PDB file of N, CA and C in Angstrom:
ATOM      1  N   MET A   1      46.200  25.155  -1.536  1.00  0.00           N
ATOM      2  CA  MET A   1      45.398  25.049  -0.328  1.00  0.00           C
ATOM      3  C   MET A   1      45.845  23.858   0.512  1.00  0.00           C
ATOM      4  N   LYS A   2      46.121  22.758  -0.136  1.00  0.00           N
ATOM      5  CA  LYS A   2      46.525  21.563   0.595  1.00  0.00           C
ATOM      6  C   LYS A   2      47.852  21.785   1.326  1.00  0.00           C
ATOM      7  N   THR A   3      48.798  22.474   0.704  1.00  0.00           N
ATOM      8  CA  THR A   3      50.086  22.758   1.331  1.00  0.00           C
ATOM      9  C   THR A   3      49.907  23.648   2.555  1.00  0.00           C
ATOM     10  N   SER A   4      49.032  24.618   2.458  1.00  0.00           N
ATOM     11  CA  SER A   4      48.783  25.520   3.578  1.00  0.00           C
ATOM     12  C   SER A   4      48.214  24.762   4.770  1.00  0.00           C
ATOM     13  N   MET A   5      47.309  23.837   4.509  1.00  0.00           N
ATOM     14  CA  MET A   5      46.698  23.056   5.579  1.00  0.00           C
ATOM     15  C   MET A   5      47.732  22.151   6.235  1.00  0.00           C
ATOM     16  N   THR A   6      48.627  21.572   5.459  1.00  0.00           N
ATOM     17  CA  THR A   6      49.664  20.718   6.000  1.00  0.00           C
ATOM     18  C   THR A   6      50.619  21.535   6.860  1.00  0.00           C
ATOM     19  N   SER A   7      51.008  22.708   6.404  1.00  0.00           N
ATOM     20  CA  SER A   7      51.893  23.582   7.173  1.00  0.00           C
ATOM     21  C   SER A   7      51.234  23.990   8.480  1.00  0.00           C
ATOM     22  N   THR A   8      49.956  24.264   8.449  1.00  0.00           N
ATOM     23  CA  THR A   8      49.225  24.646   9.645  1.00  0.00           C
ATOM     24  C   THR A   8      49.204  23.495  10.646  1.00  0.00           C
ATOM     25  N   ARG A   9      48.976  22.302  10.154  1.00  0.00           N
ATOM     26  CA  ARG A   9      48.966  21.139  11.049  1.00  0.00           C
ATOM     27  C   ARG A   9      50.335  20.887  11.652  1.00  0.00           C
ATOM     28  N   ILE A  10      51.368  21.006  10.850  1.00  0.00           N
ATOM     29  CA  ILE A  10      52.728  20.799  11.359  1.00  0.00           C
ATOM     30  C   ILE A  10      53.043  21.838  12.433  1.00  0.00           C
ATOM     31  N   LEU A  11      52.687  23.073  12.177  1.00  0.00           N
ATOM     32  CA  LEU A  11      52.915  24.138  13.139  1.00  0.00           C
ATOM     33  C   LEU A  11      52.140  23.875  14.436  1.00  0.00           C
ATOM     34  N   ALA A  12      50.900  23.432  14.318  1.00  0.00           N
ATOM     35  CA  ALA A  12      50.079  23.151  15.499  1.00  0.00           C
ATOM     36  C   ALA A  12      50.674  22.010  16.312  1.00  0.00           C
ATOM     37  N   TRP A  13      51.112  20.943  15.659  1.00  0.00           N
ATOM     38  CA  TRP A  13      51.694  19.810  16.377  1.00  0.00           C
ATOM     39  C   TRP A  13      53.028  20.189  17.025  1.00  0.00           C
ATOM     40  N   THR A  14      53.796  21.015  16.347  1.00  0.00           N
ATOM     41  CA  THR A  14      55.065  21.473  16.907  1.00  0.00           C
ATOM     42  C   THR A  14      54.820  22.306  18.164  1.00  0.00           C
ATOM     43  N   ALA A  15      53.855  23.206  18.102  1.00  0.00           N
ATOM     44  CA  ALA A  15      53.523  24.034  19.264  1.00  0.00           C
ATOM     45  C   ALA A  15      53.046  23.162  20.420  1.00  0.00           C
ATOM     46  N   LEU A  16      52.231  22.169  20.130  1.00  0.00           N
ATOM     47  CA  LEU A  16      51.740  21.269  21.172  1.00  0.00           C
ATOM     48  C   LEU A  16      52.887  20.481  21.800  1.00  0.00           C
ATOM     49  N   ALA A  17      53.785  19.982  20.967  1.00  0.00           N
ATOM     50  CA  ALA A  17      54.923  19.206  21.470  1.00  0.00           C
ATOM     51  C   ALA A  17      55.825  20.058  22.359  1.00  0.00           C
ATOM     52  N   MET A  18      55.953  21.323  22.047  1.00  0.00           N
ATOM     53  CA  MET A  18      56.777  22.215  22.859  1.00  0.00           C
ATOM     54  C   MET A  18      56.072  22.603  24.154  1.00  0.00           C
ATOM     55  N   ALA A  19      54.756  22.637  24.152  1.00  0.00           N
ATOM     56  CA  ALA A  19      53.993  23.064  25.326  1.00  0.00           C
ATOM     57  C   ALA A  19      53.854  21.960  26.371  1.00  0.00           C
ATOM     58  N   VAL A  20      53.853  20.714  25.967  1.00  0.00           N
ATOM     59  CA  VAL A  20      53.617  19.598  26.890  1.00  0.00           C
ATOM     60  C   VAL A  20      54.622  19.568  28.046  1.00  0.00           C
ATOM     61  N   PRO A  21      55.934  19.647  27.795  1.00  0.00           N
ATOM     62  CA  PRO A  21      56.863  19.634  28.948  1.00  0.00           C
ATOM     63  C   PRO A  21      56.658  20.822  29.886  1.00  0.00           C
ATOM     64  N   PHE A  22      56.355  21.979  29.338  1.00  0.00           N
ATOM     65  CA  PHE A  22      56.108  23.155  30.162  1.00  0.00           C
ATOM     66  C   PHE A  22      54.881  22.956  31.037  1.00  0.00           C
ATOM     67  N   LEU A  23      53.813  22.447  30.463  1.00  0.00           N
ATOM     68  CA  LEU A  23      52.587  22.228  31.219  1.00  0.00           C
ATOM     69  C   LEU A  23      52.768  21.139  32.273  1.00  0.00           C
ATOM     70  N   ALA A  24      53.539  20.133  31.950  1.00  0.00           N
ATOM     71  CA  ALA A  24      53.791  19.060  32.920  1.00  0.00           C
ATOM     72  C   ALA A  24      54.559  19.590  34.122  1.00  0.00           C
ATOM     73  N   ALA A  25      55.465  20.512  33.898  1.00  0.00           N
ATOM     74  CA  ALA A  25      56.231  21.090  34.997  1.00  0.00           C
ATOM     75  C   ALA A  25      55.360  21.964  35.891  1.00  0.00           C
ATOM     76  N   CYS A  26      54.300  22.499  35.342  1.00  0.00           N
ATOM     77  CA  CYS A  26      53.419  23.376  36.116  1.00  0.00           C
ATOM     78  C   CYS A  26      52.448  22.588  36.996  1.00  0.00           C
ATOM     79  N   GLY A  27      52.223  21.346  36.654  1.00  0.00           N
ATOM     80  CA  GLY A  27      51.266  20.549  37.415  1.00  0.00           C
ATOM     81  C   GLY A  27      51.925  19.862  38.592  1.00  0.00           C
ATOM     82  N   GLY A  28      51.214  18.977  39.193  1.00  0.00           N
ATOM     83  CA  GLY A  28      51.785  18.220  40.299  1.00  0.00           C
ATOM     84  C   GLY A  28      51.206  18.628  41.636  1.00  0.00           C
ATOM     85  N   LYS A  29      51.710  17.995  42.645  1.00  0.00           N
ATOM     86  CA  LYS A  29      51.203  18.227  43.990  1.00  0.00           C
ATOM     87  C   LYS A  29      52.250  18.927  44.835  1.00  0.00           C
ATOM     88  N   TYR A  30      51.774  19.568  45.876  1.00  0.00           N
ATOM     89  CA  TYR A  30      52.611  20.306  46.810  1.00  0.00           C
ATOM     90  C   TYR A  30      52.360  19.744  48.206  1.00  0.00           C
ATOM     91  N   TYR A  31      53.447  19.543  48.962  1.00  0.00           N
ATOM     92  CA  TYR A  31      53.309  18.915  50.260  1.00  0.00           C
ATOM     93  C   TYR A  31      53.983  19.715  51.366  1.00  0.00           C
ATOM     94  N   GLU A  32      53.358  19.676  52.535  1.00  0.00           N
ATOM     95  CA  GLU A  32      53.989  20.112  53.768  1.00  0.00           C
ATOM     96  C   GLU A  32      54.219  18.843  54.573  1.00  0.00           C
ATOM     97  N   VAL A  33      55.457  18.602  54.951  1.00  0.00           N
ATOM     98  CA  VAL A  33      55.806  17.427  55.734  1.00  0.00           C
ATOM     99  C   VAL A  33      56.236  17.927  57.111  1.00  0.00           C
ATOM    100  N   THR A  34      55.556  17.459  58.142  1.00  0.00           N
ATOM    101  CA  THR A  34      55.863  17.887  59.510  1.00  0.00           C
ATOM    102  C   THR A  34      56.460  16.730  60.292  1.00  0.00           C
ATOM    103  N   ALA A  35      57.633  16.968  60.865  1.00  0.00           N
ATOM    104  CA  ALA A  35      58.271  15.962  61.729  1.00  0.00           C
ATOM    105  C   ALA A  35      57.472  15.907  63.021  1.00  0.00           C
ATOM    106  N   THR A  36      56.907  14.758  63.347  1.00  0.00           N
ATOM    107  CA  THR A  36      56.035  14.665  64.518  1.00  0.00           C
ATOM    108  C   THR A  36      56.798  14.826  65.831  1.00  0.00           C
ATOM    109  N   ASP A  37      58.082  14.496  65.862  1.00  0.00           N
ATOM    110  CA  ASP A  37      58.840  14.640  67.109  1.00  0.00           C
ATOM    111  C   ASP A  37      59.226  16.091  67.405  1.00  0.00           C
ATOM    112  N   SER A  38      59.557  16.877  66.374  1.00  0.00           N
ATOM    113  CA  SER A  38      60.003  18.259  66.610  1.00  0.00           C
ATOM    114  C   SER A  38      58.965  19.312  66.224  1.00  0.00           C
ATOM    115  N   GLY A  39      58.015  18.929  65.364  1.00  0.00           N
ATOM    116  CA  GLY A  39      57.022  19.882  64.881  1.00  0.00           C
ATOM    117  C   GLY A  39      57.519  20.748  63.737  1.00  0.00           C
ATOM    118  N   LYS A  40      58.769  20.528  63.285  1.00  0.00           N
ATOM    119  CA  LYS A  40      59.328  21.305  62.184  1.00  0.00           C
ATOM    120  C   LYS A  40      58.653  20.921  60.877  1.00  0.00           C
ATOM    121  N   SER A  41      58.344  21.941  60.055  1.00  0.00           N
ATOM    122  CA  SER A  41      57.693  21.704  58.772  1.00  0.00           C
ATOM    123  C   SER A  41      58.681  21.871  57.624  1.00  0.00           C
ATOM    124  N   TYR A  42      58.506  21.023  56.613  1.00  0.00           N
ATOM    125  CA  TYR A  42      59.307  21.050  55.398  1.00  0.00           C
ATOM    126  C   TYR A  42      58.340  21.123  54.220  1.00  0.00           C
ATOM    127  N   TYR A  43      58.850  21.587  53.077  1.00  0.00           N
ATOM    128  CA  TYR A  43      57.997  21.746  51.903  1.00  0.00           C
ATOM    129  C   TYR A  43      58.669  21.097  50.701  1.00  0.00           C
ATOM    130  N   THR A  44      57.882  20.314  49.970  1.00  0.00           N
ATOM    131  CA  THR A  44      58.430  19.581  48.840  1.00  0.00           C
ATOM    132  C   THR A  44      57.337  19.289  47.817  1.00  0.00           C
ATOM    133  N   ARG A  45      57.759  18.858  46.637  1.00  0.00           N
ATOM    134  CA  ARG A  45      56.815  18.444  45.605  1.00  0.00           C
ATOM    135  C   ARG A  45      56.962  16.967  45.281  1.00  0.00           C
ATOM    136  N   ASP A  46      57.958  16.319  45.875  1.00  0.00           N
ATOM    137  CA  ASP A  46      58.220  14.911  45.571  1.00  0.00           C
ATOM    138  C   ASP A  46      58.643  14.184  46.838  1.00  0.00           C
ATOM    139  N   ILE A  47      57.908  13.157  47.192  1.00  0.00           N
ATOM    140  CA  ILE A  47      58.188  12.383  48.405  1.00  0.00           C
ATOM    141  C   ILE A  47      58.367  10.921  48.027  1.00  0.00           C
ATOM    142  N   GLU A  48      59.378  10.304  48.616  1.00  0.00           N
ATOM    143  CA  GLU A  48      59.570   8.865  48.440  1.00  0.00           C
ATOM    144  C   GLU A  48      59.298   8.185  49.771  1.00  0.00           C
ATOM    145  N   HIS A  49      58.369   7.243  49.747  1.00  0.00           N
ATOM    146  CA  HIS A  49      58.052   6.462  50.951  1.00  0.00           C
ATOM    147  C   HIS A  49      58.912   5.209  50.926  1.00  0.00           C
ATOM    148  N   ARG A  50      59.691   5.040  51.963  1.00  0.00           N
ATOM    149  CA  ARG A  50      60.582   3.881  52.066  1.00  0.00           C
ATOM    150  C   ARG A  50      60.378   3.217  53.421  1.00  0.00           C
ATOM    151  N   LYS A  51      60.355   1.949  53.478  1.00  0.00           N
ATOM    152  CA  LYS A  51      60.246   1.131  54.691  1.00  0.00           C
ATOM    153  C   LYS A  51      60.161   1.924  55.997  1.00  0.00           C
ATOM    154  N   GLY A  52      59.037   2.506  56.268  1.00  0.00           N
ATOM    155  CA  GLY A  52      58.812   3.160  57.553  1.00  0.00           C
ATOM    156  C   GLY A  52      59.250   4.606  57.658  1.00  0.00           C
ATOM    157  N   HIS A  53      59.770   5.190  56.579  1.00  0.00           N
ATOM    158  CA  HIS A  53      60.144   6.599  56.638  1.00  0.00           C
ATOM    159  C   HIS A  53      59.930   7.267  55.278  1.00  0.00           C
ATOM    160  N   VAL A  54      60.024   8.582  55.267  1.00  0.00           N
ATOM    161  CA  VAL A  54      59.890   9.339  54.027  1.00  0.00           C
ATOM    162  C   VAL A  54      61.190  10.073  53.731  1.00  0.00           C
ATOM    163  N   GLU A  55      61.491  10.234  52.446  1.00  0.00           N
ATOM    164  CA  GLU A  55      62.676  10.958  52.002  1.00  0.00           C
ATOM    165  C   GLU A  55      62.247  11.992  50.979  1.00  0.00           C
ATOM    166  N   PHE A  56      62.861  13.174  51.052  1.00  0.00           N
ATOM    167  CA  PHE A  56      62.522  14.250  50.123  1.00  0.00           C
ATOM    168  C   PHE A  56      63.575  15.345  50.234  1.00  0.00           C
ATOM    169  N   THR A  57      63.508  16.297  49.324  1.00  0.00           N
ATOM    170  CA  THR A  57      64.342  17.492  49.381  1.00  0.00           C
ATOM    171  C   THR A  57      63.464  18.638  49.836  1.00  0.00           C
ATOM    172  N   ASP A  58      63.869  19.285  50.918  1.00  0.00           N
ATOM    173  CA  ASP A  58      63.134  20.454  51.409  1.00  0.00           C
ATOM    174  C   ASP A  58      63.455  21.621  50.482  1.00  0.00           C
ATOM    175  N   LYS A  59      62.445  22.144  49.811  1.00  0.00           N
ATOM    176  CA  LYS A  59      62.667  23.205  48.830  1.00  0.00           C
ATOM    177  C   LYS A  59      63.014  24.541  49.475  1.00  0.00           C
ATOM    178  N   ALA A  60      62.636  24.755  50.718  1.00  0.00           N
ATOM    179  CA  ALA A  60      62.959  26.011  51.390  1.00  0.00           C
ATOM    180  C   ALA A  60      64.455  26.103  51.713  1.00  0.00           C
ATOM    181  N   SER A  61      65.060  24.984  52.122  1.00  0.00           N
ATOM    182  CA  SER A  61      66.468  24.986  52.528  1.00  0.00           C
ATOM    183  C   SER A  61      67.388  24.294  51.525  1.00  0.00           C
ATOM    184  N   GLY A  62      66.828  23.414  50.699  1.00  0.00           N
ATOM    185  CA  GLY A  62      67.636  22.625  49.773  1.00  0.00           C
ATOM    186  C   GLY A  62      68.200  21.365  50.402  1.00  0.00           C
ATOM    187  N   ASP A  63      67.892  21.117  51.671  1.00  0.00           N
ATOM    188  CA  ASP A  63      68.408  19.950  52.387  1.00  0.00           C
ATOM    189  C   ASP A  63      67.690  18.666  51.989  1.00  0.00           C
ATOM    190  N   GLU A  64      68.464  17.569  51.933  1.00  0.00           N
ATOM    191  CA  GLU A  64      67.886  16.239  51.780  1.00  0.00           C
ATOM    192  C   GLU A  64      67.405  15.817  53.162  1.00  0.00           C
ATOM    193  N   VAL A  65      66.154  15.363  53.268  1.00  0.00           N
ATOM    194  CA  VAL A  65      65.570  15.050  54.565  1.00  0.00           C
ATOM    195  C   VAL A  65      65.039  13.619  54.565  1.00  0.00           C
ATOM    196  N   SER A  66      65.242  12.926  55.672  1.00  0.00           N
ATOM    197  CA  SER A  66      64.696  11.592  55.886  1.00  0.00           C
ATOM    198  C   SER A  66      64.067  11.587  57.279  1.00  0.00           C
ATOM    199  N   LEU A  67      62.779  11.286  57.350  1.00  0.00           N
ATOM    200  CA  LEU A  67      62.070  11.301  58.626  1.00  0.00           C
ATOM    201  C   LEU A  67      61.427   9.945  58.896  1.00  0.00           C
ATOM    202  N   ASP A  68      61.614   9.448  60.118  1.00  0.00           N
ATOM    203  CA  ASP A  68      60.981   8.196  60.514  1.00  0.00           C
ATOM    204  C   ASP A  68      59.528   8.407  60.913  1.00  0.00           C
ATOM    205  N   SER A  69      59.238   9.561  61.500  1.00  0.00           N
ATOM    206  CA  SER A  69      57.896   9.838  61.981  1.00  0.00           C
ATOM    207  C   SER A  69      57.471  11.214  61.466  1.00  0.00           C
ATOM    208  N   SER A  70      56.473  11.219  60.599  1.00  0.00           N
ATOM    209  CA  SER A  70      56.061  12.486  59.998  1.00  0.00           C
ATOM    210  C   SER A  70      54.585  12.463  59.632  1.00  0.00           C
ATOM    211  N   GLU A  71      54.081  13.665  59.410  1.00  0.00           N
ATOM    212  CA  GLU A  71      52.726  13.842  58.904  1.00  0.00           C
ATOM    213  C   GLU A  71      52.850  14.567  57.571  1.00  0.00           C
ATOM    214  N   VAL A  72      52.269  13.995  56.531  1.00  0.00           N
ATOM    215  CA  VAL A  72      52.332  14.581  55.195  1.00  0.00           C
ATOM    216  C   VAL A  72      50.942  15.070  54.824  1.00  0.00           C
ATOM    217  N   ARG A  73      50.879  16.331  54.397  1.00  0.00           N
ATOM    218  CA  ARG A  73      49.583  16.834  53.938  1.00  0.00           C
ATOM    219  C   ARG A  73      49.780  17.621  52.663  1.00  0.00           C
ATOM    220  N   GLU A  74      48.815  17.472  51.769  1.00  0.00           N
ATOM    221  CA  GLU A  74      48.848  18.206  50.510  1.00  0.00           C
ATOM    222  C   GLU A  74      48.404  19.643  50.779  1.00  0.00           C
ATOM    223  N   ILE A  75      49.123  20.595  50.167  1.00  0.00           N
ATOM    224  CA  ILE A  75      48.790  22.003  50.328  1.00  0.00           C
ATOM    225  C   ILE A  75      48.578  22.641  48.956  1.00  0.00           C
ATOM    226  N   THR A  76      48.087  23.867  48.954  1.00  0.00           N
ATOM    227  CA  THR A  76      47.834  24.572  47.692  1.00  0.00           C
ATOM    228  C   THR A  76      49.149  25.117  47.129  1.00  0.00           C
ATOM    229  N   PRO A  77      49.187  25.370  45.834  1.00  0.00           N
ATOM    230  CA  PRO A  77      50.385  25.978  45.250  1.00  0.00           C
ATOM    231  C   PRO A  77      50.740  27.310  45.922  1.00  0.00           C
ATOM    232  N   GLN A  78      49.754  28.090  46.305  1.00  0.00           N
ATOM    233  CA  GLN A  78      50.024  29.379  46.946  1.00  0.00           C
ATOM    234  C   GLN A  78      50.648  29.187  48.333  1.00  0.00           C
ATOM    235  N   GLN A  79      50.153  28.225  49.110  1.00  0.00           N
ATOM    236  CA  GLN A  79      50.742  27.935  50.419  1.00  0.00           C
ATOM    237  C   GLN A  79      52.198  27.508  50.268  1.00  0.00           C
ATOM    238  N   TYR A  80      52.453  26.673  49.275  1.00  0.00           N
ATOM    239  CA  TYR A  80      53.814  26.211  48.993  1.00  0.00           C
ATOM    240  C   TYR A  80      54.716  27.391  48.632  1.00  0.00           C
ATOM    241  N   LYS A  81      54.248  28.224  47.741  1.00  0.00           N
ATOM    242  CA  LYS A  81      55.016  29.384  47.295  1.00  0.00           C
ATOM    243  C   LYS A  81      55.335  30.301  48.477  1.00  0.00           C
ATOM    244  N   ASN A  82      54.357  30.580  49.322  1.00  0.00           N
ATOM    245  CA  ASN A  82      54.575  31.431  50.485  1.00  0.00           C
ATOM    246  C   ASN A  82      55.595  30.841  51.443  1.00  0.00           C
ATOM    247  N   ALA A  83      55.582  29.531  51.633  1.00  0.00           N
ATOM    248  CA  ALA A  83      56.493  28.879  52.573  1.00  0.00           C
ATOM    249  C   ALA A  83      57.905  28.798  52.027  1.00  0.00           C
ATOM    250  N   VAL A  84      58.045  28.533  50.755  1.00  0.00           N
ATOM    251  CA  VAL A  84      59.370  28.331  50.159  1.00  0.00           C
ATOM    252  C   VAL A  84      60.067  29.661  49.895  1.00  0.00           C
ATOM    253  N   HIS A  85      59.333  30.684  49.569  1.00  0.00           N
ATOM    254  CA  HIS A  85      59.924  31.979  49.196  1.00  0.00           C
ATOM    255  C   HIS A  85      59.779  33.024  50.288  1.00  0.00           C
ATOM    256  N   LYS A  86      60.105  32.664  51.513  1.00  0.00           N
ATOM    257  CA  LYS A  86      60.007  33.611  52.637  1.00  0.00           C
ATOM    258  C   LYS A  86      61.120  34.614  52.591  1.00  0.00           C
TER     259      LYS A  86
END
């Protein structure tokens, strides 16, 4: 009985350890970044704020983008999916 319980615990911890990276990838925030000068919108999940501008990779085009003047707003995962997978 003791061996069975130990095997069950090992299996449970192994499953948990394998699930954590997957679950972490599913979480996070989604952003629409709009260039205030042109009105063009970009979509990303990771933004770096640097001395007066933002830098990110636009997931719709794959382009690296740096904007001096922008509006950043958090959007839903569904809005992000619709915008990126047009």
